[in-house]
């Protein structure tokens, strides 16, 4: 199997700037945002807003993924 790594690929300037800005945020921010959204979704469900609760509840995964991405950028850095 051939080696698919390409050491010549570099991130764009915009990507580097975004990573530099987001790396300044603590990872706890994304975790707290995810928990807050879970609580908001549960509250909406209890208030009878079923569809809105489902919509808001779907935001949890992206917040957690942003947190993971943030942690990887902090640990591994970028190009």
PDB file of N, CA and C in Angstrom:
ATOM      1  N   UNK A   1       0.846  -1.172   0.000  1.00  0.00           N
ATOM      2  CA  UNK A   1       0.000   0.000   0.000  1.00  0.00           C
ATOM      3  C   UNK A   1       0.892   1.236   0.000  1.00  0.00           C
ATOM      4  N   UNK A   2       0.556   2.183  -0.814  1.00  0.00           N
ATOM      5  CA  UNK A   2       1.383   3.376  -0.925  1.00  0.00           C
ATOM      6  C   UNK A   2       1.166   4.328   0.252  1.00  0.00           C
ATOM      7  N   UNK A   3       2.166   5.110   0.551  1.00  0.00           N
ATOM      8  CA  UNK A   3       2.088   6.090   1.628  1.00  0.00           C
ATOM      9  C   UNK A   3       1.357   7.328   1.110  1.00  0.00           C
ATOM     10  N   UNK A   4       0.236   7.658   1.744  1.00  0.00           N
ATOM     11  CA  UNK A   4      -0.582   8.767   1.266  1.00  0.00           C
ATOM     12  C   UNK A   4      -0.223  10.101   1.911  1.00  0.00           C
ATOM     13  N   UNK A   5       0.759  10.127   2.798  1.00  0.00           N
ATOM     14  CA  UNK A   5       1.147  11.371   3.449  1.00  0.00           C
ATOM     15  C   UNK A   5       1.835  12.288   2.451  1.00  0.00           C
ATOM     16  N   UNK A   6       1.494  13.557   2.549  1.00  0.00           N
ATOM     17  CA  UNK A   6       2.134  14.559   1.710  1.00  0.00           C
ATOM     18  C   UNK A   6       2.631  15.664   2.624  1.00  0.00           C
ATOM     19  N   UNK A   7       3.913  15.715   2.842  1.00  0.00           N
ATOM     20  CA  UNK A   7       4.505  16.691   3.753  1.00  0.00           C
ATOM     21  C   UNK A   7       4.510  18.097   3.169  1.00  0.00           C
ATOM     22  N   UNK A   8       4.246  18.239   1.869  1.00  0.00           N
ATOM     23  CA  UNK A   8       4.288  19.541   1.230  1.00  0.00           C
ATOM     24  C   UNK A   8       2.997  20.336   1.399  1.00  0.00           C
ATOM     25  N   UNK A   9       1.919  19.705   1.878  1.00  0.00           N
ATOM     26  CA  UNK A   9       0.658  20.409   2.042  1.00  0.00           C
ATOM     27  C   UNK A   9       0.727  21.306   3.268  1.00  0.00           C
ATOM     28  N   UNK A  10       0.269  22.537   3.126  1.00  0.00           N
ATOM     29  CA  UNK A  10       0.268  23.515   4.217  1.00  0.00           C
ATOM     30  C   UNK A  10      -1.129  24.099   4.357  1.00  0.00           C
ATOM     31  N   UNK A  11      -1.443  24.537   5.576  1.00  0.00           N
ATOM     32  CA  UNK A  11      -2.715  25.206   5.818  1.00  0.00           C
ATOM     33  C   UNK A  11      -2.668  26.618   5.247  1.00  0.00           C
ATOM     34  N   UNK A  12      -3.847  27.120   4.893  1.00  0.00           N
ATOM     35  CA  UNK A  12      -3.923  28.480   4.396  1.00  0.00           C
ATOM     36  C   UNK A  12      -3.788  29.493   5.522  1.00  0.00           C
ATOM     37  N   UNK A  13      -3.554  30.727   5.169  1.00  0.00           N
ATOM     38  CA  UNK A  13      -3.371  31.786   6.159  1.00  0.00           C
ATOM     39  C   UNK A  13      -4.633  31.983   6.990  1.00  0.00           C
ATOM     40  N   UNK A  14      -5.795  31.942   6.361  1.00  0.00           N
ATOM     41  CA  UNK A  14      -7.052  32.119   7.083  1.00  0.00           C
ATOM     42  C   UNK A  14      -7.230  31.024   8.125  1.00  0.00           C
ATOM     43  N   UNK A  15      -6.913  29.784   7.763  1.00  0.00           N
ATOM     44  CA  UNK A  15      -7.024  28.673   8.694  1.00  0.00           C
ATOM     45  C   UNK A  15      -6.100  28.868   9.887  1.00  0.00           C
ATOM     46  N   UNK A  16      -4.896  29.324   9.630  1.00  0.00           N
ATOM     47  CA  UNK A  16      -3.951  29.580  10.727  1.00  0.00           C
ATOM     48  C   UNK A  16      -4.470  30.658  11.668  1.00  0.00           C
ATOM     49  N   UNK A  17      -5.049  31.713  11.112  1.00  0.00           N
ATOM     50  CA  UNK A  17      -5.581  32.792  11.937  1.00  0.00           C
ATOM     51  C   UNK A  17      -6.749  32.309  12.791  1.00  0.00           C
ATOM     52  N   UNK A  18      -7.636  31.515  12.190  1.00  0.00           N
ATOM     53  CA  UNK A  18      -8.771  30.972  12.940  1.00  0.00           C
ATOM     54  C   UNK A  18      -8.275  30.072  14.065  1.00  0.00           C
ATOM     55  N   UNK A  19      -7.313  29.219  13.782  1.00  0.00           N
ATOM     56  CA  UNK A  19      -6.775  28.318  14.800  1.00  0.00           C
ATOM     57  C   UNK A  19      -6.085  29.095  15.915  1.00  0.00           C
ATOM     58  N   UNK A  20      -5.381  30.161  15.573  1.00  0.00           N
ATOM     59  CA  UNK A  20      -4.735  30.977  16.600  1.00  0.00           C
ATOM     60  C   UNK A  20      -5.758  31.630  17.518  1.00  0.00           C
ATOM     61  N   UNK A  21      -6.853  32.110  16.958  1.00  0.00           N
ATOM     62  CA  UNK A  21      -7.899  32.754  17.768  1.00  0.00           C
ATOM     63  C   UNK A  21      -8.645  31.730  18.622  1.00  0.00           C
ATOM     64  N   UNK A  22      -9.035  30.604  18.024  1.00  0.00           N
ATOM     65  CA  UNK A  22      -9.805  29.619  18.790  1.00  0.00           C
ATOM     66  C   UNK A  22      -8.949  28.911  19.830  1.00  0.00           C
ATOM     67  N   UNK A  23      -7.653  28.808  19.600  1.00  0.00           N
ATOM     68  CA  UNK A  23      -6.774  28.174  20.579  1.00  0.00           C
ATOM     69  C   UNK A  23      -6.669  28.996  21.857  1.00  0.00           C
ATOM     70  N   UNK A  24      -7.012  30.272  21.797  1.00  0.00           N
ATOM     71  CA  UNK A  24      -6.975  31.121  22.979  1.00  0.00           C
ATOM     72  C   UNK A  24      -8.145  30.840  23.919  1.00  0.00           C
ATOM     73  N   UNK A  25      -9.209  30.230  23.402  1.00  0.00           N
ATOM     74  CA  UNK A  25     -10.359  29.884  24.239  1.00  0.00           C
ATOM     75  C   UNK A  25     -10.074  28.617  25.028  1.00  0.00           C
ATOM     76  N   UNK A  26     -10.423  28.592  26.300  1.00  0.00           N
ATOM     77  CA  UNK A  26     -10.254  27.348  27.054  1.00  0.00           C
ATOM     78  C   UNK A  26     -11.230  26.282  26.533  1.00  0.00           C
ATOM     79  N   UNK A  27     -10.820  25.035  26.589  1.00  0.00           N
ATOM     80  CA  UNK A  27     -11.681  23.950  26.120  1.00  0.00           C
ATOM     81  C   UNK A  27     -12.951  23.849  26.963  1.00  0.00           C
ATOM     82  N   UNK A  28     -12.874  24.359  28.181  1.00  0.00           N
ATOM     83  CA  UNK A  28     -14.036  24.326  29.071  1.00  0.00           C
ATOM     84  C   UNK A  28     -15.209  25.114  28.491  1.00  0.00           C
ATOM     85  N   UNK A  29     -14.931  26.126  27.681  1.00  0.00           N
ATOM     86  CA  UNK A  29     -15.988  26.941  27.080  1.00  0.00           C
ATOM     87  C   UNK A  29     -16.907  26.068  26.229  1.00  0.00           C
ATOM     88  N   UNK A  30     -16.314  25.199  25.433  1.00  0.00           N
ATOM     89  CA  UNK A  30     -17.115  24.343  24.557  1.00  0.00           C
ATOM     90  C   UNK A  30     -17.898  23.301  25.355  1.00  0.00           C
ATOM     91  N   UNK A  31     -17.300  22.763  26.401  1.00  0.00           N
ATOM     92  CA  UNK A  31     -17.998  21.803  27.244  1.00  0.00           C
ATOM     93  C   UNK A  31     -19.167  22.468  27.959  1.00  0.00           C
ATOM     94  N   UNK A  32     -18.944  23.659  28.499  1.00  0.00           N
ATOM     95  CA  UNK A  32     -20.020  24.388  29.173  1.00  0.00           C
ATOM     96  C   UNK A  32     -21.140  24.750  28.197  1.00  0.00           C
ATOM     97  N   UNK A  33     -20.771  25.119  26.977  1.00  0.00           N
ATOM     98  CA  UNK A  33     -21.785  25.425  25.963  1.00  0.00           C
ATOM     99  C   UNK A  33     -22.627  24.189  25.655  1.00  0.00           C
ATOM    100  N   UNK A  34     -21.984  23.021  25.555  1.00  0.00           N
ATOM    101  CA  UNK A  34     -22.715  21.791  25.261  1.00  0.00           C
ATOM    102  C   UNK A  34     -23.674  21.439  26.403  1.00  0.00           C
ATOM    103  N   UNK A  35     -23.212  21.565  27.643  1.00  0.00           N
ATOM    104  CA  UNK A  35     -24.075  21.257  28.796  1.00  0.00           C
ATOM    105  C   UNK A  35     -25.227  22.256  28.876  1.00  0.00           C
ATOM    106  N   UNK A  36     -24.951  23.524  28.614  1.00  0.00           N
ATOM    107  CA  UNK A  36     -26.003  24.543  28.631  1.00  0.00           C
ATOM    108  C   UNK A  36     -27.067  24.246  27.586  1.00  0.00           C
ATOM    109  N   UNK A  37     -26.634  23.837  26.417  1.00  0.00           N
ATOM    110  CA  UNK A  37     -27.584  23.506  25.352  1.00  0.00           C
ATOM    111  C   UNK A  37     -28.419  22.283  25.733  1.00  0.00           C
ATOM    112  N   UNK A  38     -27.797  21.305  26.406  1.00  0.00           N
ATOM    113  CA  UNK A  38     -28.563  20.136  26.864  1.00  0.00           C
ATOM    114  C   UNK A  38     -29.647  20.555  27.845  1.00  0.00           C
ATOM    115  N   UNK A  39     -29.292  21.432  28.778  1.00  0.00           N
ATOM    116  CA  UNK A  39     -30.266  21.904  29.760  1.00  0.00           C
ATOM    117  C   UNK A  39     -31.371  22.706  29.080  1.00  0.00           C
ATOM    118  N   UNK A  40     -30.998  23.549  28.137  1.00  0.00           N
ATOM    119  CA  UNK A  40     -31.992  24.340  27.401  1.00  0.00           C
ATOM    120  C   UNK A  40     -32.926  23.436  26.615  1.00  0.00           C
ATOM    121  N   UNK A  41     -32.391  22.407  26.005  1.00  0.00           N
ATOM    122  CA  UNK A  41     -33.213  21.467  25.248  1.00  0.00           C
ATOM    123  C   UNK A  41     -34.198  20.734  26.166  1.00  0.00           C
ATOM    124  N   UNK A  42     -33.709  20.318  27.333  1.00  0.00           N
ATOM    125  CA  UNK A  42     -34.593  19.635  28.295  1.00  0.00           C
ATOM    126  C   UNK A  42     -35.684  20.582  28.791  1.00  0.00           C
ATOM    127  N   UNK A  43     -35.328  21.834  29.034  1.00  0.00           N
ATOM    128  CA  UNK A  43     -36.312  22.817  29.489  1.00  0.00           C
ATOM    129  C   UNK A  43     -37.368  23.060  28.419  1.00  0.00           C
ATOM    130  N   UNK A  44     -36.928  23.180  27.181  1.00  0.00           N
ATOM    131  CA  UNK A  44     -37.879  23.368  26.084  1.00  0.00           C
ATOM    132  C   UNK A  44     -38.810  22.168  25.948  1.00  0.00           C
ATOM    133  N   UNK A  45     -38.263  20.980  26.120  1.00  0.00           N
ATOM    134  CA  UNK A  45     -39.082  19.760  26.039  1.00  0.00           C
ATOM    135  C   UNK A  45     -40.140  19.761  27.135  1.00  0.00           C
ATOM    136  N   UNK A  46     -39.730  20.154  28.359  1.00  0.00           N
ATOM    137  CA  UNK A  46     -40.672  20.202  29.486  1.00  0.00           C
ATOM    138  C   UNK A  46     -41.749  21.267  29.286  1.00  0.00           C
ATOM    139  N   UNK A  47     -41.416  22.316  28.552  1.00  0.00           N
ATOM    140  CA  UNK A  47     -42.374  23.385  28.287  1.00  0.00           C
ATOM    141  C   UNK A  47     -43.297  23.044  27.121  1.00  0.00           C
ATOM    142  N   UNK A  48     -43.071  21.902  26.493  1.00  0.00           N
ATOM    143  CA  UNK A  48     -43.948  21.456  25.415  1.00  0.00           C
ATOM    144  C   UNK A  48     -43.512  21.877  24.023  1.00  0.00           C
ATOM    145  N   UNK A  49     -42.329  22.424  23.881  1.00  0.00           N
ATOM    146  CA  UNK A  49     -41.814  22.829  22.575  1.00  0.00           C
ATOM    147  C   UNK A  49     -40.961  21.694  21.999  1.00  0.00           C
ATOM    148  N   UNK A  50     -41.631  20.636  21.573  1.00  0.00           N
ATOM    149  CA  UNK A  50     -40.947  19.409  21.163  1.00  0.00           C
ATOM    150  C   UNK A  50     -39.961  19.633  20.015  1.00  0.00           C
ATOM    151  N   UNK A  51     -40.416  20.267  18.965  1.00  0.00           N
ATOM    152  CA  UNK A  51     -39.563  20.418  17.781  1.00  0.00           C
ATOM    153  C   UNK A  51     -38.393  21.372  18.039  1.00  0.00           C
ATOM    154  N   UNK A  52     -38.648  22.428  18.770  1.00  0.00           N
ATOM    155  CA  UNK A  52     -37.562  23.355  19.112  1.00  0.00           C
ATOM    156  C   UNK A  52     -36.541  22.667  20.011  1.00  0.00           C
ATOM    157  N   UNK A  53     -37.017  21.843  20.947  1.00  0.00           N
ATOM    158  CA  UNK A  53     -36.112  21.109  21.834  1.00  0.00           C
ATOM    159  C   UNK A  53     -35.219  20.162  21.036  1.00  0.00           C
ATOM    160  N   UNK A  54     -35.793  19.494  20.054  1.00  0.00           N
ATOM    161  CA  UNK A  54     -34.988  18.605  19.212  1.00  0.00           C
ATOM    162  C   UNK A  54     -33.960  19.395  18.399  1.00  0.00           C
ATOM    163  N   UNK A  55     -34.377  20.535  17.876  1.00  0.00           N
ATOM    164  CA  UNK A  55     -33.469  21.378  17.099  1.00  0.00           C
ATOM    165  C   UNK A  55     -32.301  21.852  17.961  1.00  0.00           C
ATOM    166  N   UNK A  56     -32.609  22.382  19.129  1.00  0.00           N
ATOM    167  CA  UNK A  56     -31.566  22.890  20.024  1.00  0.00           C
ATOM    168  C   UNK A  56     -30.690  21.741  20.523  1.00  0.00           C
ATOM    169  N   UNK A  57     -31.271  20.596  20.779  1.00  0.00           N
ATOM    170  CA  UNK A  57     -30.517  19.444  21.260  1.00  0.00           C
ATOM    171  C   UNK A  57     -29.478  18.953  20.269  1.00  0.00           C
ATOM    172  N   UNK A  58     -29.683  19.233  19.000  1.00  0.00           N
ATOM    173  CA  UNK A  58     -28.718  18.815  17.987  1.00  0.00           C
ATOM    174  C   UNK A  58     -27.460  19.679  17.982  1.00  0.00           C
ATOM    175  N   UNK A  59     -27.455  20.754  18.735  1.00  0.00           N
ATOM    176  CA  UNK A  59     -26.280  21.620  18.803  1.00  0.00           C
ATOM    177  C   UNK A  59     -25.201  21.043  19.708  1.00  0.00           C
ATOM    178  N   UNK A  60     -25.544  20.068  20.530  1.00  0.00           N
ATOM    179  CA  UNK A  60     -24.589  19.520  21.500  1.00  0.00           C
ATOM    180  C   UNK A  60     -23.372  18.920  20.782  1.00  0.00           C
ATOM    181  N   UNK A  61     -23.605  18.084  19.809  1.00  0.00           N
ATOM    182  CA  UNK A  61     -22.499  17.421  19.107  1.00  0.00           C
ATOM    183  C   UNK A  61     -21.520  18.401  18.464  1.00  0.00           C
ATOM    184  N   UNK A  62     -21.993  19.417  17.736  1.00  0.00           N
ATOM    185  CA  UNK A  62     -21.021  20.368  17.172  1.00  0.00           C
ATOM    186  C   UNK A  62     -20.183  21.076  18.241  1.00  0.00           C
ATOM    187  N   UNK A  63     -20.796  21.445  19.362  1.00  0.00           N
ATOM    188  CA  UNK A  63     -20.019  22.095  20.419  1.00  0.00           C
ATOM    189  C   UNK A  63     -18.939  21.161  20.958  1.00  0.00           C
ATOM    190  N   UNK A  64     -19.279  19.905  21.151  1.00  0.00           N
ATOM    191  CA  UNK A  64     -18.283  18.950  21.633  1.00  0.00           C
ATOM    192  C   UNK A  64     -17.186  18.721  20.591  1.00  0.00           C
ATOM    193  N   UNK A  65     -17.564  18.674  19.323  1.00  0.00           N
ATOM    194  CA  UNK A  65     -16.562  18.523  18.264  1.00  0.00           C
ATOM    195  C   UNK A  65     -15.656  19.742  18.164  1.00  0.00           C
ATOM    196  N   UNK A  66     -16.223  20.944  18.340  1.00  0.00           N
ATOM    197  CA  UNK A  66     -15.392  22.143  18.368  1.00  0.00           C
ATOM    198  C   UNK A  66     -14.393  22.067  19.514  1.00  0.00           C
ATOM    199  N   UNK A  67     -14.831  21.550  20.650  1.00  0.00           N
ATOM    200  CA  UNK A  67     -13.943  21.397  21.794  1.00  0.00           C
ATOM    201  C   UNK A  67     -12.807  20.428  21.512  1.00  0.00           C
ATOM    202  N   UNK A  68     -13.123  19.330  20.855  1.00  0.00           N
ATOM    203  CA  UNK A  68     -12.092  18.354  20.500  1.00  0.00           C
ATOM    204  C   UNK A  68     -11.108  18.970  19.507  1.00  0.00           C
ATOM    205  N   UNK A  69     -11.628  19.668  18.515  1.00  0.00           N
ATOM    206  CA  UNK A  69     -10.764  20.333  17.541  1.00  0.00           C
ATOM    207  C   UNK A  69      -9.867  21.351  18.229  1.00  0.00           C
ATOM    208  N   UNK A  70     -10.444  22.105  19.146  1.00  0.00           N
ATOM    209  CA  UNK A  70      -9.682  23.102  19.896  1.00  0.00           C
ATOM    210  C   UNK A  70      -8.552  22.442  20.679  1.00  0.00           C
ATOM    211  N   UNK A  71      -8.841  21.333  21.306  1.00  0.00           N
ATOM    212  CA  UNK A  71      -7.819  20.626  22.087  1.00  0.00           C
ATOM    213  C   UNK A  71      -6.715  20.090  21.177  1.00  0.00           C
ATOM    214  N   UNK A  72      -7.077  19.559  20.022  1.00  0.00           N
ATOM    215  CA  UNK A  72      -6.073  19.041  19.080  1.00  0.00           C
ATOM    216  C   UNK A  72      -5.172  20.173  18.589  1.00  0.00           C
ATOM    217  N   UNK A  73      -5.757  21.306  18.268  1.00  0.00           N
ATOM    218  CA  UNK A  73      -4.960  22.436  17.796  1.00  0.00           C
ATOM    219  C   UNK A  73      -3.987  22.886  18.880  1.00  0.00           C
ATOM    220  N   UNK A  74      -4.436  22.874  20.135  1.00  0.00           N
ATOM    221  CA  UNK A  74      -3.568  23.289  21.229  1.00  0.00           C
ATOM    222  C   UNK A  74      -2.415  22.298  21.437  1.00  0.00           C
ATOM    223  N   UNK A  75      -2.720  21.018  21.346  1.00  0.00           N
ATOM    224  CA  UNK A  75      -1.716  19.991  21.620  1.00  0.00           C
ATOM    225  C   UNK A  75      -0.783  19.803  20.425  1.00  0.00           C
ATOM    226  N   UNK A  76      -1.360  19.649  19.239  1.00  0.00           N
ATOM    227  CA  UNK A  76      -0.569  19.338  18.046  1.00  0.00           C
ATOM    228  C   UNK A  76      -0.125  20.581  17.288  1.00  0.00           C
ATOM    229  N   UNK A  77      -0.848  21.667  17.468  1.00  0.00           N
ATOM    230  CA  UNK A  77      -0.540  22.872  16.712  1.00  0.00           C
ATOM    231  C   UNK A  77      -0.998  22.750  15.266  1.00  0.00           C
ATOM    232  N   UNK A  78      -0.594  23.691  14.479  1.00  0.00           N
ATOM    233  CA  UNK A  78      -0.898  23.621  13.043  1.00  0.00           C
ATOM    234  C   UNK A  78       0.407  23.682  12.275  1.00  0.00           C
ATOM    235  N   UNK A  79       0.316  23.633  10.957  1.00  0.00           N
ATOM    236  CA  UNK A  79       1.522  23.579  10.109  1.00  0.00           C
ATOM    237  C   UNK A  79       2.528  24.635  10.453  1.00  0.00           C
TER     238      UNK A  79
END
